[in-house]
């Protein structure tokens, strides 16, 4: 028959976990499992990191501007509904702003190169 763990929770109240026969502690309070708990906490922290949460939210493919717009709107709705953490939404928005800035700079650079090529072509005819 399972009994209750002898440990206490963060508020000092008795742990509500049940333990197997012959055991006094649950796996979170068992002094012999300290190294395992450290590893569990480390892995849990990685799984809940901003990077991991953002990776789960982002599509694998490169997004067009329209796709990016739709994704940002969906992210905004998720944040407002509590289905996405605000800091993840902020990270997504920051990344999206950077992507748009890079694309804009690239487009401007290509247009400038085209204008310079046209200008050079005109000068070569008049020279």
C-alpha atoms as a PDB file:
ATOM      1  CA  UNK A   1       0.000   0.000   0.000  1.00  0.00           C
ATOM      2  CA  UNK A   2       1.299   3.452  -0.945  1.00  0.00           C
ATOM      3  CA  UNK A   3       1.803   6.050   1.766  1.00  0.00           C
ATOM      4  CA  UNK A   4       2.405   9.781   1.695  1.00  0.00           C
ATOM      5  CA  UNK A   5       5.895  11.243   1.251  1.00  0.00           C
ATOM      6  CA  UNK A   6       7.602  12.534   4.405  1.00  0.00           C
ATOM      7  CA  UNK A   7       8.969  15.594   2.601  1.00  0.00           C
ATOM      8  CA  UNK A   8       7.566  19.111   2.612  1.00  0.00           C
ATOM      9  CA  UNK A   9       6.749  21.447  -0.276  1.00  0.00           C
ATOM     10  CA  UNK A  10       7.997  25.008  -0.789  1.00  0.00           C
ATOM     11  CA  UNK A  11       5.369  26.441   1.543  1.00  0.00           C
ATOM     12  CA  UNK A  12       6.342  24.023   4.319  1.00  0.00           C
ATOM     13  CA  UNK A  13       3.241  21.878   3.991  1.00  0.00           C
ATOM     14  CA  UNK A  14       3.531  18.073   3.774  1.00  0.00           C
ATOM     15  CA  UNK A  15       4.270  16.701   0.295  1.00  0.00           C
ATOM     16  CA  UNK A  16       1.112  15.229  -1.218  1.00  0.00           C
ATOM     17  CA  UNK A  17       2.911  12.623  -3.358  1.00  0.00           C
ATOM     18  CA  UNK A  18       2.332   8.975  -2.612  1.00  0.00           C
ATOM     19  CA  UNK A  19       5.274   6.609  -2.283  1.00  0.00           C
ATOM     20  CA  UNK A  20       5.635   2.889  -2.927  1.00  0.00           C
ATOM     21  CA  UNK A  21       5.670   0.339  -0.122  1.00  0.00           C
ATOM     22  CA  UNK A  22       8.818   0.471   1.940  1.00  0.00           C
ATOM     23  CA  UNK A  23       9.697   3.987   0.783  1.00  0.00           C
ATOM     24  CA  UNK A  24       9.520   7.136   2.909  1.00  0.00           C
ATOM     25  CA  UNK A  25      10.166   9.694   0.170  1.00  0.00           C
ATOM     26  CA  UNK A  26       8.836  10.498  -3.291  1.00  0.00           C
ATOM     27  CA  UNK A  27      11.371  10.827  -6.099  1.00  0.00           C
ATOM     28  CA  UNK A  28      11.584  14.595  -5.569  1.00  0.00           C
ATOM     29  CA  UNK A  29      12.373  14.353  -1.857  1.00  0.00           C
ATOM     30  CA  UNK A  30      14.439  11.133  -1.747  1.00  0.00           C
ATOM     31  CA  UNK A  31      17.914  12.173  -0.507  1.00  0.00           C
ATOM     32  CA  UNK A  32      19.478   9.336  -2.540  1.00  0.00           C
ATOM     33  CA  UNK A  33      18.212  10.866  -5.811  1.00  0.00           C
ATOM     34  CA  UNK A  34      19.820  14.316  -5.500  1.00  0.00           C
ATOM     35  CA  UNK A  35      21.973  13.854  -8.626  1.00  0.00           C
ATOM     36  CA  UNK A  36      18.971  12.651 -10.632  1.00  0.00           C
ATOM     37  CA  UNK A  37      16.924  15.678  -9.507  1.00  0.00           C
ATOM     38  CA  UNK A  38      19.705  18.009 -10.622  1.00  0.00           C
ATOM     39  CA  UNK A  39      19.706  16.376 -14.067  1.00  0.00           C
ATOM     40  CA  UNK A  40      15.876  16.502 -14.258  1.00  0.00           C
ATOM     41  CA  UNK A  41      15.934  20.199 -13.398  1.00  0.00           C
ATOM     42  CA  UNK A  42      18.634  20.901 -15.972  1.00  0.00           C
ATOM     43  CA  UNK A  43      16.726  19.096 -18.716  1.00  0.00           C
ATOM     44  CA  UNK A  44      13.452  20.715 -17.691  1.00  0.00           C
ATOM     45  CA  UNK A  45      15.030  24.156 -17.776  1.00  0.00           C
ATOM     46  CA  UNK A  46      16.366  23.548 -21.280  1.00  0.00           C
ATOM     47  CA  UNK A  47      12.974  22.370 -22.518  1.00  0.00           C
ATOM     48  CA  UNK A  48      11.332  25.532 -21.168  1.00  0.00           C
ATOM     49  CA  UNK A  49      14.019  27.926 -22.366  1.00  0.00           C
ATOM     50  CA  UNK A  50      13.088  30.845 -24.610  1.00  0.00           C
ATOM     51  CA  UNK A  51      15.054  29.237 -27.409  1.00  0.00           C
ATOM     52  CA  UNK A  52      13.127  25.968 -27.136  1.00  0.00           C
ATOM     53  CA  UNK A  53       9.768  27.745 -26.943  1.00  0.00           C
ATOM     54  CA  UNK A  54      10.564  29.927 -29.934  1.00  0.00           C
ATOM     55  CA  UNK A  55      11.763  26.909 -31.916  1.00  0.00           C
ATOM     56  CA  UNK A  56       8.430  25.195 -31.286  1.00  0.00           C
ATOM     57  CA  UNK A  57       6.554  28.250 -32.560  1.00  0.00           C
ATOM     58  CA  UNK A  58       8.551  28.939 -35.705  1.00  0.00           C
ATOM     59  CA  UNK A  59       7.945  27.277 -39.025  1.00  0.00           C
ATOM     60  CA  UNK A  60      10.772  25.254 -40.553  1.00  0.00           C
ATOM     61  CA  UNK A  61      10.604  27.045 -43.909  1.00  0.00           C
ATOM     62  CA  UNK A  62      11.559  30.574 -44.841  1.00  0.00           C
ATOM     63  CA  UNK A  63       8.489  32.788 -44.568  1.00  0.00           C
ATOM     64  CA  UNK A  64       7.312  35.258 -47.160  1.00  0.00           C
ATOM     65  CA  UNK A  65       6.314  38.733 -45.957  1.00  0.00           C
ATOM     66  CA  UNK A  66       2.643  37.677 -46.079  1.00  0.00           C
ATOM     67  CA  UNK A  67       3.412  34.478 -44.135  1.00  0.00           C
ATOM     68  CA  UNK A  68       5.446  36.461 -41.627  1.00  0.00           C
ATOM     69  CA  UNK A  69       2.563  38.914 -41.207  1.00  0.00           C
ATOM     70  CA  UNK A  70       0.098  36.064 -40.623  1.00  0.00           C
ATOM     71  CA  UNK A  71       2.478  34.364 -38.190  1.00  0.00           C
ATOM     72  CA  UNK A  72       2.965  37.570 -36.195  1.00  0.00           C
ATOM     73  CA  UNK A  73      -0.789  38.166 -36.037  1.00  0.00           C
ATOM     74  CA  UNK A  74      -1.350  34.583 -34.870  1.00  0.00           C
ATOM     75  CA  UNK A  75       1.402  35.023 -32.260  1.00  0.00           C
ATOM     76  CA  UNK A  76      -0.227  38.224 -31.026  1.00  0.00           C
ATOM     77  CA  UNK A  77      -3.542  36.412 -30.614  1.00  0.00           C
ATOM     78  CA  UNK A  78      -1.808  33.549 -28.756  1.00  0.00           C
ATOM     79  CA  UNK A  79      -0.099  35.987 -26.372  1.00  0.00           C
ATOM     80  CA  UNK A  80      -3.388  37.786 -25.728  1.00  0.00           C
ATOM     81  CA  UNK A  81      -5.161  34.458 -25.086  1.00  0.00           C
ATOM     82  CA  UNK A  82      -2.386  33.219 -22.783  1.00  0.00           C
ATOM     83  CA  UNK A  83      -1.364  30.376 -25.133  1.00  0.00           C
ATOM     84  CA  UNK A  84       2.088  31.894 -25.762  1.00  0.00           C
ATOM     85  CA  UNK A  85       4.272  33.504 -23.153  1.00  0.00           C
ATOM     86  CA  UNK A  86       4.725  37.255 -23.726  1.00  0.00           C
ATOM     87  CA  UNK A  87       8.520  37.003 -23.738  1.00  0.00           C
ATOM     88  CA  UNK A  88       8.332  34.412 -26.533  1.00  0.00           C
ATOM     89  CA  UNK A  89       6.002  36.715 -28.462  1.00  0.00           C
ATOM     90  CA  UNK A  90       8.470  39.572 -27.964  1.00  0.00           C
ATOM     91  CA  UNK A  91      11.314  37.402 -29.217  1.00  0.00           C
ATOM     92  CA  UNK A  92       9.299  36.437 -32.296  1.00  0.00           C
ATOM     93  CA  UNK A  93       8.469  40.100 -32.981  1.00  0.00           C
ATOM     94  CA  UNK A  94      12.106  41.138 -32.585  1.00  0.00           C
ATOM     95  CA  UNK A  95      13.280  38.407 -34.941  1.00  0.00           C
ATOM     96  CA  UNK A  96      10.576  39.324 -37.453  1.00  0.00           C
ATOM     97  CA  UNK A  97      11.597  42.987 -37.311  1.00  0.00           C
ATOM     98  CA  UNK A  98      15.200  41.981 -37.960  1.00  0.00           C
ATOM     99  CA  UNK A  99      14.181  39.749 -40.893  1.00  0.00           C
ATOM    100  CA  UNK A 100      12.155  42.577 -42.444  1.00  0.00           C
ATOM    101  CA  UNK A 101      15.055  44.995 -41.929  1.00  0.00           C
ATOM    102  CA  UNK A 102      17.519  42.627 -43.588  1.00  0.00           C
ATOM    103  CA  UNK A 103      15.148  42.006 -46.497  1.00  0.00           C
ATOM    104  CA  UNK A 104      14.544  45.736 -46.908  1.00  0.00           C
ATOM    105  CA  UNK A 105      18.273  46.479 -46.869  1.00  0.00           C
ATOM    106  CA  UNK A 106      18.863  43.725 -49.414  1.00  0.00           C
ATOM    107  CA  UNK A 107      16.127  45.056 -51.686  1.00  0.00           C
ATOM    108  CA  UNK A 108      17.528  48.605 -51.449  1.00  0.00           C
ATOM    109  CA  UNK A 109      21.023  47.357 -52.209  1.00  0.00           C
ATOM    110  CA  UNK A 110      19.814  45.500 -55.315  1.00  0.00           C
ATOM    111  CA  UNK A 111      17.877  48.543 -56.507  1.00  0.00           C
ATOM    112  CA  UNK A 112      20.908  50.785 -55.970  1.00  0.00           C
ATOM    113  CA  UNK A 113      23.100  48.372 -57.934  1.00  0.00           C
ATOM    114  CA  UNK A 114      20.565  48.425 -60.793  1.00  0.00           C
ATOM    115  CA  UNK A 115      20.475  52.240 -60.782  1.00  0.00           C
ATOM    116  CA  UNK A 116      24.265  52.438 -60.729  1.00  0.00           C
ATOM    117  CA  UNK A 117      24.464  49.970 -63.620  1.00  0.00           C
ATOM    118  CA  UNK A 118      21.979  52.064 -65.602  1.00  0.00           C
ATOM    119  CA  UNK A 119      23.892  55.245 -64.794  1.00  0.00           C
ATOM    120  CA  UNK A 120      27.168  53.690 -65.906  1.00  0.00           C
ATOM    121  CA  UNK A 121      25.528  52.524 -69.113  1.00  0.00           C
ATOM    122  CA  UNK A 122      24.347  56.054 -69.914  1.00  0.00           C
ATOM    123  CA  UNK A 123      27.793  57.519 -69.252  1.00  0.00           C
ATOM    124  CA  UNK A 124      29.475  54.998 -71.531  1.00  0.00           C
ATOM    125  CA  UNK A 125      27.224  56.030 -74.451  1.00  0.00           C
ATOM    126  CA  UNK A 126      27.848  59.739 -73.947  1.00  0.00           C
ATOM    127  CA  UNK A 127      31.594  59.450 -73.526  1.00  0.00           C
END
